[in-house]
C-alpha atoms as a PDB file:
ATOM      1  CA  UNK A   1      -0.016  -0.064  -0.044  1.00  0.00           C
ATOM      2  CA  UNK A   2       1.232   3.458  -0.461  1.00  0.00           C
ATOM      3  CA  UNK A   3       2.091   5.975   2.119  1.00  0.00           C
ATOM      4  CA  UNK A   4      -0.724   8.206   2.020  1.00  0.00           C
ATOM      5  CA  UNK A   5      -3.497   6.563   4.059  1.00  0.00           C
ATOM      6  CA  UNK A   6      -5.603   9.606   4.430  1.00  0.00           C
ATOM      7  CA  UNK A   7      -8.819   7.839   2.673  1.00  0.00           C
ATOM      8  CA  UNK A   8      -8.855   5.637   5.909  1.00  0.00           C
ATOM      9  CA  UNK A   9     -10.613   8.612   7.845  1.00  0.00           C
ATOM     10  CA  UNK A  10     -12.731  10.437   5.006  1.00  0.00           C
ATOM     11  CA  UNK A  11     -15.360   7.881   4.487  1.00  0.00           C
ATOM     12  CA  UNK A  12     -17.777  10.881   3.164  1.00  0.00           C
ATOM     13  CA  UNK A  13     -16.747  13.592   0.625  1.00  0.00           C
ATOM     14  CA  UNK A  14     -17.425  17.373   1.372  1.00  0.00           C
ATOM     15  CA  UNK A  15     -21.158  17.048  -0.140  1.00  0.00           C
ATOM     16  CA  UNK A  16     -21.679  14.116   2.746  1.00  0.00           C
ATOM     17  CA  UNK A  17     -21.810  11.243  -0.220  1.00  0.00           C
ATOM     18  CA  UNK A  18     -19.729   7.935   0.518  1.00  0.00           C
ATOM     19  CA  UNK A  19     -16.161   8.761  -0.755  1.00  0.00           C
ATOM     20  CA  UNK A  20     -15.330   6.249  -3.617  1.00  0.00           C
ATOM     21  CA  UNK A  21     -11.593   6.469  -2.455  1.00  0.00           C
ATOM     22  CA  UNK A  22     -12.647   5.116   0.934  1.00  0.00           C
ATOM     23  CA  UNK A  23     -14.469   2.148  -0.778  1.00  0.00           C
ATOM     24  CA  UNK A  24     -11.424   1.252  -3.000  1.00  0.00           C
ATOM     25  CA  UNK A  25      -9.138   1.845  -0.165  1.00  0.00           C
ATOM     26  CA  UNK A  26     -10.984  -0.813   1.989  1.00  0.00           C
ATOM     27  CA  UNK A  27     -10.839  -3.471  -0.729  1.00  0.00           C
ATOM     28  CA  UNK A  28      -7.062  -2.782  -1.227  1.00  0.00           C
ATOM     29  CA  UNK A  29      -6.822  -3.165   2.810  1.00  0.00           C
ATOM     30  CA  UNK A  30      -8.848  -6.289   2.685  1.00  0.00           C
ATOM     31  CA  UNK A  31      -7.034  -8.060  -0.139  1.00  0.00           C
ATOM     32  CA  UNK A  32      -3.799  -7.279   1.752  1.00  0.00           C
ATOM     33  CA  UNK A  33      -5.158  -8.492   5.163  1.00  0.00           C
ATOM     34  CA  UNK A  34      -6.657 -11.595   3.537  1.00  0.00           C
ATOM     35  CA  UNK A  35      -3.400 -12.519   1.689  1.00  0.00           C
ATOM     36  CA  UNK A  36      -1.254 -12.767   5.103  1.00  0.00           C
ATOM     37  CA  UNK A  37      -2.211 -16.396   5.634  1.00  0.00           C
ATOM     38  CA  UNK A  38       1.474 -17.835   6.065  1.00  0.00           C
ATOM     39  CA  UNK A  39       1.726 -15.344   8.953  1.00  0.00           C
ATOM     40  CA  UNK A  40      -1.274 -16.447  10.897  1.00  0.00           C
ATOM     41  CA  UNK A  41      -2.893 -12.747  10.439  1.00  0.00           C
ATOM     42  CA  UNK A  42      -5.566 -14.483   8.473  1.00  0.00           C
ATOM     43  CA  UNK A  43      -6.793 -17.646  10.113  1.00  0.00           C
ATOM     44  CA  UNK A  44      -9.600 -19.860   8.673  1.00  0.00           C
ATOM     45  CA  UNK A  45     -10.601 -17.007   6.367  1.00  0.00           C
ATOM     46  CA  UNK A  46     -11.013 -14.728   9.126  1.00  0.00           C
ATOM     47  CA  UNK A  47      -8.997 -11.532  10.227  1.00  0.00           C
ATOM     48  CA  UNK A  48      -9.151  -9.307  13.203  1.00  0.00           C
ATOM     49  CA  UNK A  49     -11.523  -6.405  12.575  1.00  0.00           C
ATOM     50  CA  UNK A  50      -9.763  -3.071  12.482  1.00  0.00           C
ATOM     51  CA  UNK A  51     -13.017  -1.099  12.897  1.00  0.00           C
ATOM     52  CA  UNK A  52     -13.359   1.565  15.510  1.00  0.00           C
ATOM     53  CA  UNK A  53     -15.574  -0.700  17.584  1.00  0.00           C
ATOM     54  CA  UNK A  54     -13.727  -4.068  17.329  1.00  0.00           C
ATOM     55  CA  UNK A  55     -10.262  -2.655  17.877  1.00  0.00           C
ATOM     56  CA  UNK A  56      -8.396  -5.764  16.281  1.00  0.00           C
ATOM     57  CA  UNK A  57      -9.978  -7.828  19.039  1.00  0.00           C
ATOM     58  CA  UNK A  58     -12.803  -9.633  17.034  1.00  0.00           C
ATOM     59  CA  UNK A  59     -12.042 -12.272  14.131  1.00  0.00           C
ATOM     60  CA  UNK A  60     -14.713 -11.828  11.216  1.00  0.00           C
ATOM     61  CA  UNK A  61     -14.840 -13.096   7.582  1.00  0.00           C
ATOM     62  CA  UNK A  62     -14.172 -10.480   5.128  1.00  0.00           C
ATOM     63  CA  UNK A  63     -17.780  -9.299   4.434  1.00  0.00           C
ATOM     64  CA  UNK A  64     -18.312  -8.625   8.065  1.00  0.00           C
ATOM     65  CA  UNK A  65     -14.998  -6.616   8.372  1.00  0.00           C
ATOM     66  CA  UNK A  66     -15.892  -4.708   5.280  1.00  0.00           C
ATOM     67  CA  UNK A  67     -19.372  -3.741   6.640  1.00  0.00           C
ATOM     68  CA  UNK A  68     -17.827  -2.947  10.098  1.00  0.00           C
ATOM     69  CA  UNK A  69     -15.336  -0.538   8.359  1.00  0.00           C
ATOM     70  CA  UNK A  70     -18.052   1.275   6.353  1.00  0.00           C
ATOM     71  CA  UNK A  71     -20.240   1.600   9.365  1.00  0.00           C
ATOM     72  CA  UNK A  72     -17.724   2.110  12.082  1.00  0.00           C
ATOM     73  CA  UNK A  73     -14.439   3.476  10.241  1.00  0.00           C
ATOM     74  CA  UNK A  74     -10.976   2.498  11.055  1.00  0.00           C
ATOM     75  CA  UNK A  75      -9.250   2.675  14.509  1.00  0.00           C
ATOM     76  CA  UNK A  76      -8.389   6.132  15.078  1.00  0.00           C
ATOM     77  CA  UNK A  77      -4.542   6.387  13.957  1.00  0.00           C
ATOM     78  CA  UNK A  78      -4.330   3.194  12.385  1.00  0.00           C
ATOM     79  CA  UNK A  79      -2.102   4.346   9.455  1.00  0.00           C
ATOM     80  CA  UNK A  80       0.534   1.524  10.169  1.00  0.00           C
ATOM     81  CA  UNK A  81      -1.202  -2.030   9.926  1.00  0.00           C
ATOM     82  CA  UNK A  82       0.611  -3.385  12.991  1.00  0.00           C
ATOM     83  CA  UNK A  83      -1.881  -6.350  13.139  1.00  0.00           C
ATOM     84  CA  UNK A  84      -1.273  -7.091   9.495  1.00  0.00           C
ATOM     85  CA  UNK A  85       2.405  -7.541   9.996  1.00  0.00           C
ATOM     86  CA  UNK A  86       3.213  -4.700   7.638  1.00  0.00           C
ATOM     87  CA  UNK A  87       6.865  -4.101   6.954  1.00  0.00           C
ATOM     88  CA  UNK A  88       7.650  -0.569   7.550  1.00  0.00           C
ATOM     89  CA  UNK A  89      10.805   0.946   5.770  1.00  0.00           C
ATOM     90  CA  UNK A  90      12.325   3.742   7.617  1.00  0.00           C
ATOM     91  CA  UNK A  91      14.349   6.502   5.781  1.00  0.00           C
END
């Protein structure tokens, strides 16, 4: 994923409509998260839900995580996907 993750906190555009960038970003996030089977971050086709209500404590299937993220948004400050074993390259 790219460095700019501001889309994670802009579910709606300036007119109050659903932001397409948010929807596309969720799909990319979910694709990445569900690809982490070898690292035990995706178990039995479930991942920890990163919505603001579940806080990476609850395990859910893709469709439920997607609906939670749309309804609740991401955990505040979750720009680095720590629970997804994302590798961070520091300069």
